[in-house]
Amino acid sequence: MSENKRDIQISKALAYLLRHGAVNEGLPIDNNGYVSIELLLRHNRLKSLQCTLQDVERVVANNVKKRFHMQSSHDGQTVICATQGHSLAQVTPSDEVLHQISATEEIPSKLVHGTNFSNLRLILQTGSLKKMRRNHIHLAAGVTGLDEKVVSGMRTSSNVYIYLKVRDLCEKYQVFRSLNDVYLAPEDIPISLIQNVVLVGSDKNKSIVKELQQALNQHNVPFEVSEDGHTV
């Protein structure tokens, strides 16, 4: 097993435990999402990879999306948390990990929710973007792969980009920015706050795109079709 592949496996194990699985796996996690590194390294998912503290430190430092944060706790233990992406209901990341957007100068020029055709259907049917099984709706200050500075906040497999009315959203709802520059909304976002939807179209999905265009028209949601995700 190459070191790179092993690091990916360690990263996936950390993401699962810190975001979703700690409680079910019997791993103590505090209300801010922190877990003791000492206890984490004893867990079978990391023991099976012969993971050490140095391995975790390297994976955290090298993670391009900056998914994890390590620090010393008040009792001197080294602890780690996920910076965003939680589905554990009892976890509310601390202020050092999630910063609430309040000042006008903190509002980004754009906020985009990346999703897929099936989820767009659901959004239009229910009238809002929903958290689904996560604690927050994930937003980015651009599109991953198109905007140079955006590396987190949406899947690279997204074929629908929902651009939101940023100022209205930030004035009416709580919006947070995580340490890794993902923007997070803890409440459902109504489709009235959608500024524009970009559908990534191709010859393979013409019929689906046409169906979604009709649905977007019915809901008076502006849209455009793009082969690469760029807006006009």
Protein backbone atom coordinates (compact mmCIF):
# COMPACT_ATOMS: atom_id res chain seq x y z
CA MET A 1 0.00 0.00 0.00
CA SER A 2 1.52 3.33 -1.01
CA GLU A 3 1.80 6.09 1.58
CA ASN A 4 -0.50 8.32 -0.44
CA LYS A 5 -3.23 5.68 -0.55
CA ARG A 6 -2.81 5.05 3.18
CA ASP A 7 -3.13 8.76 3.93
CA ILE A 8 -6.37 8.86 1.94
CA GLN A 9 -7.70 5.96 3.99
CA ILE A 10 -6.71 7.69 7.23
CA SER A 11 -8.42 10.89 6.04
CA LYS A 12 -11.62 9.00 5.19
CA ALA A 13 -11.60 7.27 8.58
CA LEU A 14 -11.15 10.62 10.35
CA ALA A 15 -13.93 12.24 8.30
CA TYR A 16 -16.38 9.44 9.04
CA LEU A 17 -15.70 9.31 12.77
CA LEU A 18 -15.55 13.07 13.37
CA ARG A 19 -18.50 14.00 11.16
CA HIS A 20 -20.91 11.10 11.43
CA GLY A 21 -19.87 7.95 13.27
CA ALA A 22 -18.36 8.82 16.66
CA VAL A 23 -21.49 8.14 18.72
CA ASN A 24 -22.42 4.88 16.99
CA GLU A 25 -18.80 3.74 17.21
CA GLY A 26 -18.62 4.45 20.96
CA LEU A 27 -16.05 7.23 20.55
CA PRO A 28 -16.46 10.10 23.08
CA ILE A 29 -17.07 13.40 21.24
CA ASP A 30 -17.83 16.71 22.94
CA ASN A 31 -20.55 19.21 22.01
CA ASN A 32 -18.11 21.14 19.80
CA GLY A 33 -17.15 18.02 17.86
CA TYR A 34 -13.72 17.46 19.42
CA VAL A 35 -12.32 13.98 20.04
CA SER A 36 -9.20 13.06 21.99
CA ILE A 37 -6.40 12.01 19.64
CA GLU A 38 -5.33 9.39 22.19
CA LEU A 39 -8.77 7.74 22.10
CA LEU A 40 -9.05 8.16 18.34
CA LEU A 41 -5.80 6.29 17.71
CA ARG A 42 -7.15 3.34 19.73
CA HIS A 43 -10.18 3.02 17.47
CA ASN A 44 -10.16 0.00 15.17
CA ARG A 45 -10.62 2.10 12.02
CA LEU A 46 -7.26 3.76 12.70
CA LYS A 47 -5.54 0.87 14.48
CA SER A 48 -6.10 -1.29 11.39
CA LEU A 49 -4.08 1.29 9.42
CA GLN A 50 -1.35 1.34 12.11
CA CYS A 51 -2.01 5.06 12.38
CA THR A 52 0.20 7.18 14.66
CA LEU A 53 -0.03 10.75 15.93
CA GLN A 54 2.53 11.75 13.31
CA ASP A 55 0.33 10.22 10.60
CA VAL A 56 -2.69 12.22 11.77
CA GLU A 57 -0.66 15.44 11.95
CA ARG A 58 0.60 14.88 8.40
CA VAL A 59 -2.87 14.09 7.03
CA VAL A 60 -4.36 17.17 8.72
CA ALA A 61 -1.56 19.44 7.45
CA ASN A 62 -1.66 18.09 3.88
CA ASN A 63 -5.43 17.91 3.44
CA VAL A 64 -6.16 20.28 0.56
CA LYS A 65 -9.73 20.90 1.69
CA LYS A 66 -8.61 21.56 5.31
CA ARG A 67 -11.30 19.27 6.69
CA PHE A 68 -9.76 18.93 10.17
CA HIS A 69 -8.57 21.13 13.02
CA MET A 70 -6.24 20.08 15.86
CA GLN A 71 -5.55 21.92 19.10
CA SER A 72 -4.73 21.43 22.79
CA SER A 73 -7.71 21.23 25.13
CA HIS A 74 -7.97 22.98 28.51
CA ASP A 75 -6.62 19.85 30.24
CA GLY A 76 -3.62 19.59 27.93
CA GLN A 77 -4.90 16.81 25.66
CA THR A 78 -4.47 17.00 21.91
CA VAL A 79 -7.93 16.98 20.33
CA ILE A 80 -9.23 17.04 16.76
CA CYS A 81 -12.49 18.01 15.08
CA ALA A 82 -13.96 18.20 11.59
CA THR A 83 -14.24 21.79 10.39
CA GLN A 84 -17.68 21.17 8.82
CA GLY A 85 -19.91 18.47 7.35
CA HIS A 86 -21.35 17.07 10.58
CA SER A 87 -24.52 15.01 10.77
CA LEU A 88 -24.28 14.44 14.55
CA ALA A 89 -27.19 16.40 16.04
CA GLN A 90 -25.41 17.13 19.33
CA VAL A 91 -22.39 18.76 17.66
CA THR A 92 -22.23 22.55 17.36
CA PRO A 93 -18.73 23.62 16.26
CA SER A 94 -17.11 26.31 18.41
CA ASP A 95 -16.64 29.95 17.39
CA GLU A 96 -13.00 29.25 16.51
CA VAL A 97 -14.16 26.76 13.88
CA LEU A 98 -17.39 28.44 12.68
CA HIS A 99 -17.58 32.21 12.36
CA GLN A 100 -21.00 33.82 11.95
CA ILE A 101 -21.18 36.33 9.10
CA SER A 102 -22.42 39.60 10.57
CA ALA A 103 -20.56 42.58 9.12
CA THR A 104 -21.34 43.76 5.58
CA GLU A 105 -17.70 43.49 4.55
CA GLU A 106 -17.73 39.78 5.45
CA ILE A 107 -20.47 38.94 2.95
CA PRO A 108 -18.94 37.19 -0.10
CA SER A 109 -19.75 38.39 -3.60
CA LYS A 110 -21.46 35.08 -4.40
CA LEU A 111 -22.64 31.92 -2.68
CA VAL A 112 -23.28 28.74 -4.63
CA HIS A 113 -24.84 25.42 -3.65
CA GLY A 114 -23.59 22.53 -5.78
CA THR A 115 -25.97 19.62 -6.24
CA ASN A 116 -27.37 17.24 -8.87
CA PHE A 117 -30.44 16.85 -11.07
CA SER A 118 -32.32 14.59 -8.62
CA ASN A 119 -31.82 16.95 -5.70
CA LEU A 120 -32.87 19.94 -7.80
CA ARG A 121 -36.18 18.18 -8.48
CA LEU A 122 -36.64 17.75 -4.72
CA ILE A 123 -35.74 21.39 -4.03
CA LEU A 124 -38.36 22.58 -6.51
CA GLN A 125 -40.98 20.15 -5.18
CA THR A 126 -40.49 21.18 -1.53
CA GLY A 127 -39.84 24.87 -2.18
CA SER A 128 -36.51 25.06 -0.39
CA LEU A 129 -32.92 23.88 -0.12
CA LYS A 130 -32.70 21.52 2.84
CA LYS A 131 -29.95 20.27 5.14
CA MET A 132 -30.92 16.66 4.41
CA ARG A 133 -28.91 14.50 6.84
CA ARG A 134 -26.33 17.18 7.62
CA ASN A 135 -26.45 19.91 10.25
CA HIS A 136 -26.02 22.66 7.65
CA ILE A 137 -26.58 23.45 3.99
CA HIS A 138 -23.14 23.70 2.39
CA LEU A 139 -22.35 26.73 0.24
CA ALA A 140 -19.20 27.91 -1.52
CA ALA A 141 -17.98 31.33 -2.61
CA GLY A 142 -17.77 30.03 -6.18
CA VAL A 143 -17.65 26.76 -8.10
CA THR A 144 -15.05 24.10 -7.34
CA GLY A 145 -12.85 23.62 -10.39
CA LEU A 146 -13.95 26.90 -11.99
CA ASP A 147 -13.09 29.46 -9.33
CA GLU A 148 -9.42 29.19 -8.45
CA LYS A 149 -9.71 29.88 -4.72
CA VAL A 150 -12.62 27.50 -4.10
CA VAL A 151 -11.53 24.02 -3.03
CA SER A 152 -14.30 23.05 -0.59
CA GLY A 153 -18.05 23.40 -0.25
CA MET A 154 -19.40 21.18 -3.03
CA ARG A 155 -18.74 17.88 -4.74
CA THR A 156 -16.76 18.01 -7.97
CA SER A 157 -19.44 15.73 -9.44
CA SER A 158 -22.11 18.45 -9.10
CA ASN A 159 -24.00 19.18 -12.31
CA VAL A 160 -26.31 21.85 -10.88
CA TYR A 161 -25.05 25.14 -9.44
CA ILE A 162 -27.57 27.18 -7.47
CA TYR A 163 -26.52 30.82 -7.10
CA LEU A 164 -28.19 32.55 -4.17
CA LYS A 165 -29.17 36.15 -3.47
CA VAL A 166 -26.25 36.63 -1.13
CA ARG A 167 -27.14 39.85 0.66
CA ASP A 168 -30.77 38.83 1.22
CA LEU A 169 -29.65 35.45 2.53
CA CYS A 170 -27.10 36.90 4.96
CA GLU A 171 -29.52 39.55 6.20
CA LYS A 172 -32.45 37.18 6.79
CA TYR A 173 -30.71 33.97 7.87
CA GLN A 174 -27.72 32.86 9.88
CA VAL A 175 -24.72 32.09 7.69
CA PHE A 176 -21.40 30.83 9.03
CA ARG A 177 -17.94 30.50 7.49
CA SER A 178 -15.86 27.50 8.54
CA LEU A 179 -12.10 27.44 9.00
CA ASN A 180 -11.77 25.91 5.53
CA ASP A 181 -13.91 28.65 3.92
CA VAL A 182 -17.09 26.66 3.47
CA TYR A 183 -20.22 28.73 4.09
CA LEU A 184 -22.91 27.02 6.14
CA ALA A 185 -26.61 27.73 6.64
CA PRO A 186 -28.37 25.92 9.53
CA GLU A 187 -31.90 26.58 8.21
CA ASP A 188 -33.77 25.66 5.04
CA ILE A 189 -33.32 28.26 2.28
CA PRO A 190 -36.50 29.09 0.30
CA ILE A 191 -36.31 29.06 -3.48
CA SER A 192 -37.30 32.74 -3.45
CA LEU A 193 -33.66 33.39 -2.50
CA ILE A 194 -32.33 31.67 -5.63
CA GLN A 195 -30.77 34.18 -8.00
CA ASN A 196 -29.94 31.79 -10.82
CA VAL A 197 -29.50 28.08 -11.54
CA VAL A 198 -26.85 26.74 -13.90
CA LEU A 199 -27.52 23.30 -15.37
CA VAL A 200 -24.51 21.48 -16.78
CA GLY A 201 -25.93 20.05 -19.98
CA SER A 202 -24.60 17.60 -22.55
CA ASP A 203 -25.93 15.37 -25.30
CA LYS A 204 -26.27 12.56 -22.74
CA ASN A 205 -28.67 14.39 -20.44
CA LYS A 206 -30.71 16.51 -22.85
CA SER A 207 -34.06 15.04 -21.79
CA ILE A 208 -33.39 15.55 -18.07
CA VAL A 209 -32.21 19.12 -18.63
CA LYS A 210 -35.31 19.89 -20.69
CA GLU A 211 -37.54 18.51 -17.92
CA LEU A 212 -35.75 20.63 -15.30
CA GLN A 213 -35.97 23.73 -17.49
CA GLN A 214 -39.75 23.33 -17.57
CA ALA A 215 -39.87 22.88 -13.78
CA LEU A 216 -37.69 25.94 -13.21
CA ASN A 217 -39.95 27.98 -15.49
CA GLN A 218 -43.01 26.85 -13.54
CA HIS A 219 -41.41 28.11 -10.32
CA ASN A 220 -40.17 31.35 -11.94
CA VAL A 221 -36.56 30.48 -11.12
CA PRO A 222 -34.02 31.99 -13.56
CA PHE A 223 -31.68 29.46 -15.14
CA GLU A 224 -29.18 28.84 -17.89
CA VAL A 225 -27.62 25.75 -19.44
CA SER A 226 -23.86 25.47 -19.74
CA GLU A 227 -21.61 22.70 -20.99
CA ASP A 228 -18.90 23.42 -18.41
CA GLY A 229 -20.75 25.13 -15.55
CA HIS A 230 -19.66 28.66 -16.41
CA THR A 231 -22.32 31.35 -16.23
CA VAL A 232 -22.86 33.65 -19.19
